[in-house]
């Protein structure tokens, strides 16, 4: 199953879980410019989400990484982690939605505001 957490919580994860860092410089992290635009209020969460999704899926290496994660999650827990504590305001929720739409089993997280 695909799950999510944040950096400060890694010590609390169960032994044997796979931990995947999705913050920069990861292929699965948002571009700095896009993140800055969202954090500064220049774009909404929906705009950020749409742009991130399009950029991610247009990147062949990132796309392949997502589907490797999907395969790994069939046999063990895979935790996506970065710095943000609240997954509703983090690109992890977007990654998890993409994976869920692709048929991966994902842990449900609260909806984005």
Protein backbone atom coordinates (compact mmCIF):
# COMPACT_ATOMS: atom_id res chain seq x y z
CA UNK A 1 0.00 0.00 0.00
CA UNK A 2 1.11 3.56 -0.73
CA UNK A 3 1.08 5.74 2.37
CA UNK A 4 2.46 9.17 3.18
CA UNK A 5 4.26 10.88 6.00
CA UNK A 6 6.63 13.73 6.68
CA UNK A 7 10.33 13.89 7.51
CA UNK A 8 9.99 14.30 11.28
CA UNK A 9 7.78 11.21 11.49
CA UNK A 10 10.14 8.74 9.80
CA UNK A 11 11.30 7.36 13.14
CA UNK A 12 7.74 6.18 13.83
CA UNK A 13 7.33 4.09 10.68
CA UNK A 14 7.16 0.32 10.97
CA UNK A 15 10.30 -1.71 10.30
CA UNK A 16 10.48 -3.04 6.75
CA UNK A 17 8.52 -0.19 5.22
CA UNK A 18 9.99 1.41 2.14
CA UNK A 19 10.61 5.15 2.51
CA UNK A 20 10.66 7.27 -0.65
CA UNK A 21 11.84 10.86 -0.42
CA UNK A 22 9.71 13.00 -2.74
CA UNK A 23 11.09 16.44 -1.88
CA UNK A 24 13.68 18.20 -4.00
CA UNK A 25 15.83 17.07 -5.70
CA UNK A 26 13.50 14.10 -6.30
CA UNK A 27 11.97 13.52 -9.72
CA UNK A 28 8.66 13.43 -7.86
CA UNK A 29 9.00 16.90 -6.35
CA UNK A 30 7.39 20.03 -7.79
CA UNK A 31 9.63 22.51 -9.59
CA UNK A 32 10.78 25.30 -7.26
CA UNK A 33 9.13 28.00 -9.37
CA UNK A 34 5.76 26.24 -9.23
CA UNK A 35 5.99 25.65 -5.49
CA UNK A 36 6.99 29.29 -4.92
CA UNK A 37 4.00 30.50 -6.94
CA UNK A 38 1.64 28.41 -4.81
CA UNK A 39 3.22 29.32 -1.47
CA UNK A 40 3.18 33.04 -2.34
CA UNK A 41 -0.50 32.90 -3.29
CA UNK A 42 0.05 33.66 -6.98
CA UNK A 43 -1.78 30.47 -7.91
CA UNK A 44 -4.45 28.43 -6.15
CA UNK A 45 -4.11 24.87 -4.89
CA UNK A 46 -6.14 23.67 -7.90
CA UNK A 47 -3.86 25.50 -10.34
CA UNK A 48 -0.79 24.19 -8.53
CA UNK A 49 -2.17 20.66 -8.59
CA UNK A 50 -3.05 20.82 -12.30
CA UNK A 51 0.35 22.24 -13.30
CA UNK A 52 2.27 19.78 -11.12
CA UNK A 53 0.31 16.82 -12.49
CA UNK A 54 0.93 17.89 -16.10
CA UNK A 55 4.64 18.52 -15.52
CA UNK A 56 5.05 15.24 -13.69
CA UNK A 57 3.29 13.10 -16.27
CA UNK A 58 5.19 14.81 -19.11
CA UNK A 59 8.49 13.73 -17.51
CA UNK A 60 9.21 10.17 -18.70
CA UNK A 61 11.57 9.38 -15.81
CA UNK A 62 9.12 10.66 -13.18
CA UNK A 63 6.27 8.75 -14.82
CA UNK A 64 8.32 5.54 -14.75
CA UNK A 65 9.25 6.14 -11.10
CA UNK A 66 5.58 6.39 -10.16
CA UNK A 67 4.80 3.06 -11.73
CA UNK A 68 7.79 1.41 -10.08
CA UNK A 69 6.36 2.61 -6.76
CA UNK A 70 3.00 1.14 -7.71
CA UNK A 71 4.64 -2.24 -8.27
CA UNK A 72 6.63 -2.10 -5.03
CA UNK A 73 3.49 -1.26 -3.08
CA UNK A 74 1.89 -4.53 -4.13
CA UNK A 75 4.13 -6.43 -1.71
CA UNK A 76 4.99 -3.93 1.03
CA UNK A 77 4.11 -0.55 2.47
CA UNK A 78 5.65 2.35 0.60
CA UNK A 79 5.76 5.71 2.38
CA UNK A 80 6.14 8.90 0.37
CA UNK A 81 7.69 11.60 2.52
CA UNK A 82 8.78 15.21 2.37
CA UNK A 83 8.77 18.21 4.72
CA UNK A 84 5.11 19.22 4.91
CA UNK A 85 3.26 17.81 7.91
CA UNK A 86 -0.25 18.37 6.51
CA UNK A 87 -0.74 16.16 3.43
CA UNK A 88 -3.69 18.27 2.29
CA UNK A 89 -1.25 21.07 1.46
CA UNK A 90 1.48 18.89 0.02
CA UNK A 91 2.27 17.45 -3.37
CA UNK A 92 2.26 13.98 -1.76
CA UNK A 93 -1.53 14.06 -1.98
CA UNK A 94 -1.26 14.72 -5.73
CA UNK A 95 1.18 11.85 -6.17
CA UNK A 96 -1.10 9.55 -4.21
CA UNK A 97 -4.11 10.59 -6.33
CA UNK A 98 -2.18 9.81 -9.52
CA UNK A 99 -1.18 6.43 -8.13
CA UNK A 100 -4.73 5.68 -6.98
CA UNK A 101 -6.09 6.60 -10.41
CA UNK A 102 -3.55 4.16 -11.87
CA UNK A 103 -4.94 1.36 -9.71
CA UNK A 104 -2.52 1.41 -6.77
CA UNK A 105 -3.86 0.73 -3.32
CA UNK A 106 -3.35 3.96 -1.36
CA UNK A 107 -4.10 5.07 2.14
CA UNK A 108 -6.86 7.65 2.10
CA UNK A 109 -5.91 11.15 3.22
CA UNK A 110 -8.17 14.13 3.89
CA UNK A 111 -9.28 16.14 0.87
CA UNK A 112 -7.39 19.26 -0.11
CA UNK A 113 -9.09 22.51 0.87
